[in-house]
N, C-alpha and C. Protein backbone atom coordinates (compact mmCIF):
# COMPACT_ATOMS: atom_id res chain seq x y z
N MET A 1 0.62 -1.24 0.24
CA MET A 1 -0.10 -0.05 -0.10
C MET A 1 0.79 1.36 -0.21
N TYR A 2 2.22 1.26 0.81
CA TYR A 2 2.96 2.40 1.01
C TYR A 2 3.28 2.62 -0.31
N SER A 3 3.81 2.11 -1.05
CA SER A 3 4.65 2.19 -2.47
C SER A 3 3.62 3.01 -3.72
N LYS A 4 2.00 2.61 -3.38
CA LYS A 4 1.09 3.13 -4.36
C LYS A 4 1.02 4.64 -3.74
N LEU A 5 1.45 5.10 -2.45
CA LEU A 5 1.41 6.55 -1.54
C LEU A 5 2.65 7.30 -1.94
N GLN A 6 3.51 6.40 -2.44
CA GLN A 6 4.74 7.29 -2.12
C GLN A 6 5.12 8.58 -2.65
N PHE A 7 3.91 8.83 -3.74
CA PHE A 7 4.15 10.70 -4.32
C PHE A 7 3.90 11.34 -3.14
N LEU A 8 2.97 10.69 -2.13
CA LEU A 8 3.08 11.39 -1.24
C LEU A 8 3.49 11.83 0.10
N ILE A 9 4.35 10.62 0.55
CA ILE A 9 5.13 9.98 1.54
C ILE A 9 6.11 10.66 1.21
N SER A 10 6.96 10.62 0.46
CA SER A 10 8.50 11.52 0.06
C SER A 10 8.35 12.68 0.56
N PRO A 11 7.64 13.72 -0.52
CA PRO A 11 7.15 14.93 0.38
C PRO A 11 6.91 15.50 1.31
N LEU A 12 6.33 14.73 2.12
CA LEU A 12 6.02 15.03 3.44
C LEU A 12 7.37 14.66 4.32
N GLN A 13 7.95 13.60 4.13
CA GLN A 13 9.35 13.05 5.10
C GLN A 13 10.27 14.13 4.78
N LYS A 14 10.19 14.40 3.35
CA LYS A 14 11.01 15.79 3.04
C LYS A 14 11.17 17.14 3.92
N PHE A 15 9.62 17.68 4.11
CA PHE A 15 8.80 18.63 4.76
C PHE A 15 9.07 18.45 5.82
N PHE A 16 8.85 17.06 6.76
CA PHE A 16 9.07 17.19 8.21
C PHE A 16 10.52 17.32 8.21
N TYR A 17 11.48 16.67 7.91
CA TYR A 17 12.73 16.82 7.90
C TYR A 17 13.26 18.50 7.71
N PHE A 18 12.78 18.93 6.85
CA PHE A 18 13.16 20.50 7.20
C PHE A 18 12.28 21.44 8.21
N ILE A 19 11.26 20.95 8.57
CA ILE A 19 10.93 21.82 9.99
C ILE A 19 11.67 21.33 10.89
N HIS A 20 12.03 20.21 10.96
CA HIS A 20 12.94 19.50 12.09
C HIS A 20 14.68 20.57 12.27
N SER A 21 14.99 20.57 11.08
CA SER A 21 16.36 20.66 10.32
C SER A 21 16.02 22.51 11.52
N GLY A 22 14.93 23.21 10.69
CA GLY A 22 14.83 24.40 11.00
C GLY A 22 14.85 24.94 12.74
N ILE A 23 13.97 24.04 13.70
CA ILE A 23 13.76 23.81 14.88
C ILE A 23 15.24 23.61 15.54
N HIS A 24 15.75 22.64 14.82
CA HIS A 24 17.02 22.07 15.39
C HIS A 24 18.41 22.57 15.49
N THR A 25 18.07 23.97 14.40
CA THR A 25 19.05 25.05 14.54
C THR A 25 18.94 26.05 15.61
N VAL A 26 17.78 26.05 16.09
CA VAL A 26 17.20 27.37 17.13
C VAL A 26 17.20 26.41 18.03
N ILE A 27 16.95 25.44 18.45
CA ILE A 27 17.26 24.80 19.79
C ILE A 27 17.84 23.44 19.35
N PRO A 28 19.44 23.18 19.36
CA PRO A 28 20.20 22.13 19.04
C PRO A 28 20.27 21.21 19.97
N ILE A 29 18.81 20.78 20.70
CA ILE A 29 18.65 19.55 21.78
C ILE A 29 17.96 18.52 21.03
N GLU A 30 18.58 17.21 20.50
CA GLU A 30 17.65 16.37 19.79
C GLU A 30 16.56 16.19 20.66
N ASN A 31 16.40 15.85 22.34
CA ASN A 31 15.17 15.45 22.75
C ASN A 31 14.18 16.41 22.89
N ILE A 32 14.55 17.63 22.51
CA ILE A 32 13.12 18.63 22.41
C ILE A 32 12.93 18.69 21.07
N SER A 33 13.61 18.87 20.03
CA SER A 33 13.74 19.88 18.67
C SER A 33 12.98 18.73 18.05
N PHE A 34 13.08 17.19 17.86
CA PHE A 34 12.24 16.31 17.18
C PHE A 34 10.88 16.37 17.78
N GLY A 35 10.26 16.21 19.05
CA GLY A 35 9.18 16.33 19.73
C GLY A 35 8.31 17.88 19.12
N LEU A 36 9.26 18.85 19.07
CA LEU A 36 8.67 20.05 18.46
C LEU A 36 8.35 19.88 17.29
N ALA A 37 8.63 19.26 16.28
CA ALA A 37 9.38 19.44 14.80
C ALA A 37 7.65 18.47 14.69
N ILE A 38 7.36 17.58 15.70
CA ILE A 38 6.41 16.62 15.15
C ILE A 38 5.09 17.91 15.35
N ILE A 39 5.33 18.50 16.48
CA ILE A 39 3.67 19.24 17.21
C ILE A 39 3.21 20.46 15.79
N VAL A 40 5.12 21.27 15.56
CA VAL A 40 4.38 21.91 14.39
C VAL A 40 3.99 21.23 12.89
N PHE A 41 4.70 20.45 12.46
CA PHE A 41 4.56 19.65 11.21
C PHE A 41 2.90 19.26 11.59
N THR A 42 2.28 18.66 12.72
CA THR A 42 1.29 18.08 12.79
C THR A 42 0.33 19.58 12.77
N ILE A 43 0.48 20.59 13.15
CA ILE A 43 -0.32 21.81 13.11
C ILE A 43 -0.48 22.32 11.79
N ILE A 44 1.09 22.14 11.04
CA ILE A 44 0.96 22.97 9.67
C ILE A 44 0.13 22.11 9.19
N ILE A 45 -0.04 20.72 9.10
CA ILE A 45 -0.77 19.94 8.29
C ILE A 45 -2.32 20.04 8.25
N ARG A 46 -2.86 20.27 9.71
CA ARG A 46 -3.67 20.86 9.93
C ARG A 46 -4.57 21.97 9.55
N ILE A 47 -3.78 22.86 9.22
CA ILE A 47 -3.79 24.41 8.60
C ILE A 47 -3.85 23.54 7.03
N LEU A 48 -3.36 23.10 6.19
CA LEU A 48 -3.87 22.61 4.95
C LEU A 48 -4.84 21.80 4.55
N LEU A 49 -5.30 21.22 5.79
CA LEU A 49 -6.47 20.69 5.30
C LEU A 49 -7.49 21.03 5.99
N LEU A 50 -7.61 22.78 6.66
CA LEU A 50 -8.44 22.91 7.35
C LEU A 50 -9.52 22.90 6.05
N PRO A 51 -9.82 23.53 5.16
CA PRO A 51 -10.68 23.84 4.21
C PRO A 51 -11.91 22.37 3.94
N LEU A 52 -11.32 21.88 3.91
CA LEU A 52 -11.61 19.97 4.18
C LEU A 52 -12.50 19.87 5.41
N SER A 53 -11.62 20.16 6.68
CA SER A 53 -11.85 19.83 7.77
C SER A 53 -13.16 20.96 8.60
N ILE A 54 -13.24 21.80 7.84
CA ILE A 54 -14.37 22.42 8.09
C ILE A 54 -15.65 22.41 7.33
N LYS A 55 -15.42 21.83 5.96
CA LYS A 55 -16.67 21.45 5.56
C LYS A 55 -17.24 20.26 5.97
N GLN A 56 -16.32 19.50 6.15
CA GLN A 56 -16.95 18.20 7.02
C GLN A 56 -17.53 18.27 8.25
N THR A 57 -17.08 19.32 9.05
CA THR A 57 -17.53 19.52 10.39
C THR A 57 -19.00 20.66 10.65
N LYS A 58 -18.89 21.56 9.33
CA LYS A 58 -20.28 22.06 8.84
C LYS A 58 -21.10 21.53 8.66
N SER A 59 -20.96 20.61 8.11
CA SER A 59 -21.84 19.63 7.16
C SER A 59 -22.54 18.80 8.64
N THR A 60 -21.84 17.85 9.52
CA THR A 60 -22.17 17.43 10.41
C THR A 60 -23.25 18.03 11.29
N ALA A 61 -22.56 19.68 11.74
CA ALA A 61 -23.25 20.50 12.43
C ALA A 61 -24.64 20.77 11.75
N LYS A 62 -24.93 20.79 10.19
CA LYS A 62 -25.87 21.14 9.47
C LYS A 62 -27.15 19.70 10.00
N MET A 63 -26.34 18.64 9.77
CA MET A 63 -27.19 17.34 10.25
C MET A 63 -27.91 17.17 11.18
N GLY A 64 -27.21 17.55 12.41
CA GLY A 64 -27.25 17.78 13.76
C GLY A 64 -28.54 18.42 14.00
N ALA A 65 -28.69 19.63 13.36
CA ALA A 65 -29.63 21.03 13.43
C ALA A 65 -30.88 20.62 12.84
N ILE A 66 -31.08 19.80 11.90
CA ILE A 66 -32.34 19.32 11.03
C ILE A 66 -32.55 18.08 11.47
N GLN A 67 -32.31 17.26 12.62
CA GLN A 67 -32.56 16.19 13.44
C GLN A 67 -33.68 16.10 13.51
N PRO A 68 -34.41 17.39 14.38
CA PRO A 68 -35.93 17.28 15.21
C PRO A 68 -36.61 16.78 13.86
N GLU A 69 -36.35 17.96 13.00
CA GLU A 69 -37.33 17.79 12.07
C GLU A 69 -37.56 16.68 11.33
N MET A 70 -36.21 16.25 11.30
CA MET A 70 -36.21 14.52 10.26
C MET A 70 -37.09 13.85 11.00
N LYS A 71 -36.92 13.80 12.44
CA LYS A 71 -37.86 12.70 13.24
C LYS A 71 -39.38 12.89 13.24
N LYS A 72 -39.70 14.18 13.00
CA LYS A 72 -40.97 14.45 12.57
C LYS A 72 -41.75 13.61 11.31
N VAL A 73 -40.70 14.47 10.36
CA VAL A 73 -41.02 13.39 9.13
C VAL A 73 -41.29 12.25 9.06
N GLN A 74 -40.39 11.48 9.54
CA GLN A 74 -40.03 9.91 10.01
C GLN A 74 -41.54 9.47 10.38
N GLU A 75 -41.82 10.64 11.44
CA GLU A 75 -43.15 9.87 12.60
C GLU A 75 -43.90 9.93 11.71
N LYS A 76 -43.77 11.16 11.13
CA LYS A 76 -45.92 11.08 10.22
C LYS A 76 -45.75 10.29 9.03
N TYR A 77 -44.71 9.68 8.55
CA TYR A 77 -44.93 9.03 7.45
C TYR A 77 -44.36 7.50 7.83
N LYS A 78 -44.52 7.41 8.53
CA LYS A 78 -43.45 5.80 8.99
C LYS A 78 -44.14 4.53 8.53
N LYS A 79 -45.33 4.82 7.95
CA LYS A 79 -46.19 3.81 7.15
C LYS A 79 -46.40 4.12 5.76
N ASP A 80 -45.50 5.05 5.23
CA ASP A 80 -45.29 5.32 3.89
C ASP A 80 -43.55 5.51 3.58
N PRO A 81 -42.71 4.71 3.82
CA PRO A 81 -41.18 4.69 3.74
C PRO A 81 -41.03 5.45 2.41
N GLN A 82 -41.24 5.27 1.19
CA GLN A 82 -40.47 6.26 0.02
C GLN A 82 -41.19 7.78 0.05
N LYS A 83 -42.52 8.13 0.62
CA LYS A 83 -43.00 9.25 1.01
C LYS A 83 -42.17 10.12 1.99
N SER A 84 -42.05 9.24 2.78
CA SER A 84 -40.55 9.72 4.02
C SER A 84 -39.54 10.19 3.71
N GLN A 85 -39.00 9.12 2.31
CA GLN A 85 -37.39 9.53 1.81
C GLN A 85 -37.66 11.21 1.37
N GLN A 86 -38.71 11.05 0.33
CA GLN A 86 -38.90 12.24 -0.68
C GLN A 86 -39.39 13.71 0.45
N GLU A 87 -39.56 13.48 1.31
CA GLU A 87 -39.94 14.41 2.39
C GLU A 87 -38.62 14.55 3.12
N VAL A 88 -37.77 13.88 3.37
CA VAL A 88 -36.14 13.95 4.01
C VAL A 88 -35.52 14.74 3.18
N MET A 89 -35.46 14.07 2.10
CA MET A 89 -34.74 14.72 0.62
C MET A 89 -34.93 16.26 0.79
N LYS A 90 -36.28 16.66 0.56
CA LYS A 90 -36.78 18.13 0.31
C LYS A 90 -36.31 18.70 1.17
N LEU A 91 -36.39 17.79 2.48
CA LEU A 91 -35.65 18.81 3.94
C LEU A 91 -34.60 19.17 3.80
N TYR A 92 -33.50 18.41 3.32
CA TYR A 92 -32.33 18.36 3.01
C TYR A 92 -31.54 19.58 2.04
N LYS A 93 -32.91 19.86 1.14
CA LYS A 93 -32.74 20.76 -0.14
C LYS A 93 -32.80 22.17 0.11
N GLU A 94 -34.29 22.17 1.38
CA GLU A 94 -34.40 23.40 1.91
C GLU A 94 -33.91 23.84 2.74
N ASN A 95 -32.77 23.03 3.69
CA ASN A 95 -31.67 23.77 4.16
C ASN A 95 -30.29 23.54 3.78
N GLY A 96 -29.84 22.88 2.67
CA GLY A 96 -28.43 23.38 1.67
C GLY A 96 -27.84 21.76 2.64
N VAL A 97 -28.55 20.76 2.76
CA VAL A 97 -27.60 19.81 3.45
C VAL A 97 -27.44 18.71 2.52
N ASN A 98 -26.06 18.35 2.42
CA ASN A 98 -25.55 17.54 1.30
C ASN A 98 -25.12 15.86 2.34
N PRO A 99 -26.32 14.88 2.03
CA PRO A 99 -26.24 13.94 3.05
C PRO A 99 -24.59 13.50 2.88
N MET A 100 -23.66 13.35 1.43
CA MET A 100 -22.78 13.06 1.89
C MET A 100 -21.94 14.35 2.19
N GLY A 101 -22.06 15.04 2.57
CA GLY A 101 -21.38 16.58 2.56
C GLY A 101 -19.95 15.97 3.90
N GLY A 102 -20.27 15.29 4.72
CA GLY A 102 -19.44 14.93 5.73
C GLY A 102 -18.27 13.95 5.35
N CYS A 103 -18.79 13.15 4.12
CA CYS A 103 -18.26 11.65 3.92
C CYS A 103 -16.75 12.23 2.61
N LEU A 104 -17.56 13.31 2.02
CA LEU A 104 -16.46 13.28 0.82
C LEU A 104 -15.36 14.17 0.91
N PRO A 105 -15.19 14.64 1.98
CA PRO A 105 -13.93 15.45 2.97
C PRO A 105 -13.04 14.32 3.47
N MET A 106 -13.54 13.52 4.03
CA MET A 106 -12.79 12.59 4.68
C MET A 106 -12.17 11.21 3.70
N LEU A 107 -12.81 11.26 2.44
CA LEU A 107 -12.50 10.31 1.37
C LEU A 107 -11.23 11.09 1.01
N VAL A 108 -11.25 12.42 0.69
CA VAL A 108 -10.24 13.01 -0.02
C VAL A 108 -8.81 12.97 1.01
N GLN A 109 -9.58 13.27 2.56
CA GLN A 109 -7.79 12.94 3.13
C GLN A 109 -7.53 11.91 3.59
N MET A 110 -8.43 10.63 3.39
CA MET A 110 -7.64 9.54 3.75
C MET A 110 -6.25 8.84 3.10
N PRO A 111 -5.90 8.84 1.93
CA PRO A 111 -4.67 8.72 1.33
C PRO A 111 -3.18 10.03 1.78
N ILE A 112 -3.78 11.12 2.28
CA ILE A 112 -3.09 12.09 3.22
C ILE A 112 -2.62 11.18 4.86
N LEU A 113 -3.71 10.87 4.99
CA LEU A 113 -3.76 10.32 6.37
C LEU A 113 -2.70 8.99 6.65
N PHE A 114 -3.12 8.10 5.85
CA PHE A 114 -2.43 6.75 5.04
C PHE A 114 -0.89 7.43 4.82
N ALA A 115 -0.34 8.40 4.01
CA ALA A 115 0.92 8.88 3.79
C ALA A 115 1.53 9.20 5.10
N LEU A 116 0.64 9.88 6.00
CA LEU A 116 1.24 10.73 7.55
C LEU A 116 1.82 9.27 8.30
N PHE A 117 0.46 8.15 8.28
CA PHE A 117 0.84 7.47 9.01
C PHE A 117 2.34 6.79 8.94
N ALA A 118 2.31 6.50 7.41
CA ALA A 118 3.92 6.00 7.31
C ALA A 118 4.94 6.59 7.33
N VAL A 119 4.84 8.42 7.01
CA VAL A 119 5.87 9.20 7.55
C VAL A 119 6.49 9.26 8.95
N PHE A 120 5.50 8.97 9.67
CA PHE A 120 6.16 9.09 11.36
C PHE A 120 6.14 7.72 11.60
N ASN A 121 5.93 6.64 11.11
CA ASN A 121 6.22 5.21 11.26
C ASN A 121 7.43 4.48 10.60
N THR A 122 7.99 5.48 9.73
CA THR A 122 9.66 5.22 9.15
C THR A 122 10.11 6.44 9.47
N LEU A 123 10.25 7.00 10.41
CA LEU A 123 11.13 8.24 10.91
C LEU A 123 12.65 8.14 11.40
N ASN A 124 13.49 8.27 10.78
CA ASN A 124 14.92 7.64 11.16
C ASN A 124 15.49 8.82 12.36
N MET A 125 15.10 8.75 13.44
CA MET A 125 15.15 9.54 14.49
C MET A 125 16.05 8.71 15.51
N LYS A 126 16.46 7.85 15.48
CA LYS A 126 16.42 6.68 16.51
C LYS A 126 16.87 7.35 17.77
N GLY A 127 16.89 7.16 18.81
CA GLY A 127 17.34 7.92 20.47
C GLY A 127 16.86 9.02 20.65
N ALA A 128 15.93 9.96 20.01
CA ALA A 128 15.46 11.05 20.51
C ALA A 128 14.36 10.82 21.05
N GLY A 129 14.03 11.56 22.08
CA GLY A 129 13.04 11.51 23.22
C GLY A 129 12.22 12.50 23.01
N PHE A 130 11.24 13.01 23.69
CA PHE A 130 10.98 14.03 24.26
C PHE A 130 9.76 13.79 25.64
N LEU A 131 10.16 15.06 25.94
CA LEU A 131 9.06 15.21 27.87
C LEU A 131 9.38 13.61 28.61
N TRP A 132 8.74 12.87 28.59
CA TRP A 132 8.67 11.93 29.31
C TRP A 132 9.43 10.73 28.53
N MET A 133 9.15 10.75 27.42
CA MET A 133 9.68 9.82 26.50
C MET A 133 10.96 9.42 26.14
N PRO A 134 11.92 8.62 26.77
CA PRO A 134 13.37 8.24 25.87
C PRO A 134 13.82 8.31 24.92
N ASP A 135 12.82 7.76 23.93
CA ASP A 135 13.29 7.23 22.79
C ASP A 135 11.50 7.59 21.62
N LEU A 136 11.42 8.47 20.80
CA LEU A 136 10.13 8.89 20.41
C LEU A 136 10.09 7.56 19.12
N THR A 137 11.23 6.71 18.74
CA THR A 137 10.92 5.78 17.75
C THR A 137 10.63 4.10 18.40
N LEU A 138 10.01 4.45 19.61
CA LEU A 138 9.96 3.16 19.95
C LEU A 138 8.93 3.68 20.77
N PRO A 139 7.87 2.28 21.37
CA PRO A 139 6.41 2.44 22.12
C PRO A 139 6.68 3.27 23.11
N ASP A 140 5.87 4.14 24.10
CA ASP A 140 5.82 4.71 25.59
C ASP A 140 6.01 3.72 26.05
N PRO A 141 7.13 3.55 26.83
CA PRO A 141 7.44 2.85 28.09
C PRO A 141 6.26 2.90 29.37
N TYR A 142 5.58 4.20 29.18
CA TYR A 142 5.39 4.21 30.21
C TYR A 142 3.84 4.59 30.33
N TYR A 143 2.97 4.07 28.45
CA TYR A 143 1.70 4.27 28.40
C TYR A 143 0.89 5.28 28.54
N ILE A 144 1.50 6.38 28.53
CA ILE A 144 0.56 7.52 28.94
C ILE A 144 0.28 7.76 27.43
N LEU A 145 1.12 8.12 26.45
CA LEU A 145 0.44 8.43 25.03
C LEU A 145 -0.75 7.39 24.45
N PRO A 146 -0.31 6.07 24.99
CA PRO A 146 -1.85 5.35 24.61
C PRO A 146 -3.61 5.49 25.16
N ILE A 147 -2.73 6.11 26.46
CA ILE A 147 -4.21 6.51 27.42
C ILE A 147 -4.69 8.12 26.46
N LEU A 148 -3.56 8.79 26.23
CA LEU A 148 -4.17 9.93 25.98
C LEU A 148 -4.86 9.84 24.15
N SER A 149 -4.42 8.72 23.79
CA SER A 149 -4.45 8.84 22.38
C SER A 149 -6.13 7.72 22.44
N THR A 150 -6.48 7.07 23.31
CA THR A 150 -7.87 6.18 23.97
C THR A 150 -8.79 7.52 24.13
N VAL A 151 -8.40 8.35 25.05
CA VAL A 151 -9.21 9.32 25.26
C VAL A 151 -9.35 10.31 24.16
N THR A 152 -8.68 11.25 23.77
CA THR A 152 -8.79 11.94 22.69
C THR A 152 -9.27 11.59 21.15
N THR A 153 -9.44 10.15 21.00
CA THR A 153 -10.00 9.46 19.75
C THR A 153 -11.45 9.53 19.89
N TYR A 154 -11.84 9.17 21.33
CA TYR A 154 -13.11 8.98 21.83
C TYR A 154 -13.65 11.17 21.85
N PHE A 155 -13.11 11.73 22.43
CA PHE A 155 -13.74 12.74 22.11
C PHE A 155 -14.01 13.55 20.51
N SER A 156 -12.97 13.21 20.18
CA SER A 156 -12.84 13.93 18.59
C SER A 156 -13.44 13.24 17.76
N SER A 157 -14.20 11.98 18.24
CA SER A 157 -15.01 11.19 17.09
C SER A 157 -16.60 11.68 17.85
N LYS A 158 -16.15 11.63 19.37
CA LYS A 158 -18.05 11.96 19.65
C LYS A 158 -18.62 13.43 19.18
N LEU A 159 -17.50 14.62 19.53
CA LEU A 159 -17.98 15.59 18.97
C LEU A 159 -18.33 15.89 17.27
N MET A 160 -17.96 14.92 16.58
CA MET A 160 -18.37 14.52 15.18
C MET A 160 -19.30 14.17 14.92
N GLN A 161 -20.09 13.34 15.81
CA GLN A 161 -20.89 12.61 16.07
C GLN A 161 -22.67 13.66 15.98
N PRO A 162 -23.73 13.71 14.71
CA PRO A 162 -24.90 14.05 14.23
C PRO A 162 -25.62 14.11 16.07
N PRO A 163 -26.09 14.97 16.88
CA PRO A 163 -26.86 14.90 17.96
C PRO A 163 -28.15 13.82 17.19
N GLY A 164 -28.04 13.59 18.12
CA GLY A 164 -29.93 12.78 18.50
C GLY A 164 -30.04 11.33 18.84
N GLY A 165 -31.41 10.62 19.28
CA GLY A 165 -31.26 9.20 19.84
C GLY A 165 -31.68 8.44 18.88
N GLY A 166 -31.96 7.56 19.51
CA GLY A 166 -32.41 6.04 18.72
C GLY A 166 -31.67 5.04 18.53
N ALA A 167 -31.61 4.13 17.79
CA ALA A 167 -30.78 2.96 17.48
C ALA A 167 -29.58 3.47 16.85
N GLN A 168 -29.94 4.55 15.61
CA GLN A 168 -28.44 4.27 14.81
C GLN A 168 -27.55 5.48 15.68
N SER A 169 -28.23 6.31 16.54
CA SER A 169 -27.32 6.81 17.53
C SER A 169 -26.17 6.37 18.25
N LYS A 170 -27.09 5.66 18.60
CA LYS A 170 -26.20 4.49 19.82
C LYS A 170 -25.31 3.78 18.87
N GLN A 171 -25.33 2.88 17.96
CA GLN A 171 -24.64 2.44 17.31
C GLN A 171 -23.50 3.19 16.82
N THR A 172 -23.40 4.57 16.60
CA THR A 172 -22.44 5.27 15.89
C THR A 172 -21.75 5.65 17.22
N SER A 173 -22.47 5.71 18.22
CA SER A 173 -21.56 5.98 19.78
C SER A 173 -21.01 4.46 20.23
N THR A 174 -21.45 3.17 19.55
CA THR A 174 -20.89 2.21 20.30
C THR A 174 -19.48 1.92 19.17
N MET A 175 -19.28 2.45 17.96
CA MET A 175 -18.50 2.79 17.20
C MET A 175 -17.37 3.32 17.48
N ASN A 176 -17.95 4.54 18.10
CA ASN A 176 -16.66 5.82 18.46
C ASN A 176 -16.22 4.82 19.83
N THR A 177 -16.36 4.28 20.69
CA THR A 177 -16.00 3.87 21.83
C THR A 177 -15.07 2.38 21.32
N GLY A 178 -15.52 1.78 20.46
CA GLY A 178 -14.73 0.96 20.05
C GLY A 178 -13.60 1.44 19.23
N MET A 179 -13.40 2.14 18.25
CA MET A 179 -12.51 3.06 17.55
C MET A 179 -11.20 3.30 18.62
N ALA A 180 -11.51 4.17 19.75
CA ALA A 180 -11.20 4.76 20.79
C ALA A 180 -10.39 3.76 21.23
N ILE A 181 -11.07 2.63 21.84
CA ILE A 181 -10.36 1.56 22.46
C ILE A 181 -9.47 0.91 21.74
N PHE A 182 -9.57 0.24 20.07
CA PHE A 182 -8.75 0.19 19.20
C PHE A 182 -7.53 0.94 18.97
N MET A 183 -7.62 2.16 18.45
CA MET A 183 -6.43 2.83 18.49
C MET A 183 -5.61 3.18 19.84
N GLY A 184 -6.11 2.99 21.01
CA GLY A 184 -5.22 2.90 22.41
C GLY A 184 -4.50 1.65 22.38
N PHE A 185 -5.01 0.39 21.95
CA PHE A 185 -4.42 -0.83 21.92
C PHE A 185 -3.36 -0.66 20.70
N MET A 186 -3.29 -0.35 19.67
CA MET A 186 -2.79 -0.14 18.66
C MET A 186 -1.55 0.81 19.16
N SER A 187 -1.98 1.69 20.03
CA SER A 187 -0.39 2.78 20.40
C SER A 187 0.06 1.79 21.43
N LEU A 188 0.04 1.10 22.08
CA LEU A 188 0.64 0.37 22.71
C LEU A 188 1.84 0.12 22.06
N LYS A 189 1.81 -0.65 20.74
CA LYS A 189 2.68 -1.11 19.84
C LYS A 189 3.35 -0.22 18.95
N PHE A 190 2.50 1.25 18.63
CA PHE A 190 2.92 1.88 17.36
C PHE A 190 4.15 2.87 18.38
N LYS A 191 5.06 3.49 17.48
CA LYS A 191 6.35 4.24 17.81
C LYS A 191 5.61 5.82 18.27
N GLY A 192 6.74 5.91 19.37
CA GLY A 192 5.86 6.97 20.05
C GLY A 192 6.07 8.60 19.04
N ALA A 193 6.59 8.79 18.13
CA ALA A 193 6.20 9.42 17.09
C ALA A 193 5.09 9.80 16.38
N LEU A 194 4.55 8.48 16.00
CA LEU A 194 3.28 8.28 15.56
C LEU A 194 2.34 8.48 16.61
N VAL A 195 2.07 8.10 17.72
CA VAL A 195 1.00 8.47 18.90
C VAL A 195 1.15 9.74 19.03
N LEU A 196 2.12 10.29 18.99
CA LEU A 196 2.68 11.78 19.64
C LEU A 196 1.91 12.47 18.56
N TYR A 197 2.05 12.03 17.05
CA TYR A 197 0.86 13.05 15.96
C TYR A 197 -0.28 12.85 16.09
N TRP A 198 -0.89 11.57 16.19
CA TRP A 198 -2.05 11.39 16.41
C TRP A 198 -2.96 12.05 17.66
N VAL A 199 -2.18 12.23 18.80
CA VAL A 199 -2.79 12.68 19.94
C VAL A 199 -3.01 14.14 19.62
N ILE A 200 -1.64 14.90 19.01
CA ILE A 200 -1.73 16.50 18.70
C ILE A 200 -2.93 16.52 17.50
N ASN A 201 -2.92 15.68 16.71
CA ASN A 201 -4.01 15.92 15.50
C ASN A 201 -5.74 15.74 16.46
N ASN A 202 -5.63 14.65 17.53
CA ASN A 202 -6.87 14.78 18.05
C ASN A 202 -7.54 16.30 18.59
N VAL A 203 -6.54 16.33 19.50
CA VAL A 203 -6.38 17.76 20.26
C VAL A 203 -6.93 19.12 19.42
N LEU A 204 -6.35 19.12 17.98
CA LEU A 204 -6.62 20.28 17.20
C LEU A 204 -8.17 20.07 16.64
N GLN A 205 -8.37 18.21 16.31
CA GLN A 205 -9.91 18.58 16.05
C GLN A 205 -10.59 18.76 17.15
N VAL A 206 -10.48 18.37 18.13
CA VAL A 206 -11.34 18.72 18.86
C VAL A 206 -11.82 20.14 19.18
N ILE A 207 -10.48 21.20 19.39
CA ILE A 207 -10.68 22.48 19.20
C ILE A 207 -11.47 23.02 18.40
N GLN A 208 -11.09 22.85 17.01
CA GLN A 208 -11.70 23.15 15.72
C GLN A 208 -13.19 22.68 15.84
N THR A 209 -13.47 21.80 16.28
CA THR A 209 -14.92 21.40 15.93
C THR A 209 -15.58 22.25 17.07
N LEU A 210 -15.02 22.25 17.80
CA LEU A 210 -16.05 22.73 19.09
C LEU A 210 -16.32 24.28 18.56
N VAL A 211 -15.45 25.12 17.67
CA VAL A 211 -15.16 26.54 17.29
C VAL A 211 -16.12 26.12 16.28
N ILE A 212 -16.13 25.62 15.37
CA ILE A 212 -17.37 25.81 14.59
C ILE A 212 -18.29 25.28 14.78
N ASN A 213 -18.89 24.40 15.33
CA ASN A 213 -19.96 24.04 16.02
C ASN A 213 -20.52 25.18 16.75
N LYS A 214 -19.91 26.09 17.74
CA LYS A 214 -20.36 27.69 18.63
C LYS A 214 -20.67 28.37 17.32
N MET A 215 -19.85 28.32 15.91
CA MET A 215 -20.54 29.14 15.12
C MET A 215 -21.43 28.81 14.48
N GLU A 216 -21.32 27.69 14.17
CA GLU A 216 -22.85 27.24 13.51
C GLU A 216 -24.19 27.26 13.94
N LEU A 217 -24.01 27.19 15.39
CA LEU A 217 -25.08 27.09 16.50
C LEU A 217 -25.74 28.69 16.08
N GLY A 218 -25.07 29.57 15.73
CA GLY A 218 -25.64 30.73 15.44
C GLY A 218 -26.32 31.25 14.38
N ASN A 219 -25.56 30.45 13.09
CA ASN A 219 -25.57 30.64 11.90
C ASN A 219 -26.70 29.64 11.58
N THR A 220 -27.05 29.20 12.01
CA THR A 220 -27.81 27.61 10.94
C THR A 220 -29.32 27.99 11.39
N GLY A 221 -30.11 28.33 10.61
CA GLY A 221 -31.52 28.62 10.57
C GLY A 221 -32.00 27.49 9.49
N VAL A 222 -32.69 26.70 10.57
CA VAL A 222 -33.27 25.46 10.01
C VAL A 222 -34.82 25.65 9.46
N VAL A 223 -35.23 25.18 8.01
CA VAL A 223 -36.48 25.54 7.47
C VAL A 223 -37.39 24.06 8.12
N LYS A 224 -38.23 24.89 9.02
CA LYS A 224 -39.10 23.79 9.22
C LYS A 224 -40.67 23.67 8.53
N LYS A 225 -40.64 22.01 8.34
CA LYS A 225 -41.77 21.87 7.86
C LYS A 225 -42.89 22.00 8.19
N GLN A 226 -43.98 21.97 7.54
CA GLN A 226 -45.29 21.85 8.23
C GLN A 226 -46.28 20.65 8.18
N ILE A 227 -45.77 20.14 9.96
CA ILE A 227 -46.23 18.53 9.76
C ILE A 227 -47.51 18.81 9.93
């Protein structure tokens, strides 16, 4: 798989080493510059992907805003699935909601995310640590990063989940919990550099989602259907 993404991996690796070189020039201590380079690199990547992330977050916020109206439509036409679908699509159109709006940006980002995974999993910086970690090219011996990975994965996924109840919401919540536990378990084996990137990325995602949701809360006007 990585061979197919080499066109992305190589430039990203060079970009990371460029950032590290600049930081190392100012702070010539490997156990500080390496970790700082990961943080700065993660922030820059988040900024570059910001338009797609904003689009995805806004789409999720809009879907959440029209949930009450959707429930009313589905309840009214529960004996007529075809009519219910038509009215739901009309509700989408009236409120400018694209049902695939939250998925498409993620699909575009997936190759970049896989490439970043490869970049941080193959960094040649053996012996360089950061904070409590003696070597970022090895798993965290104190399990702090895996714990942070679990917690931040859960909250970043939870915030991206459209509000609402019902079986679908419970299923999504269960999937979020499962994903968080899975990432925490995998982080026990992943290199510290990769997990540090993942944790910082999740924290930035949480901040971004909270800010956008707050802005959308005041800007999203839901067109209510006459039920």
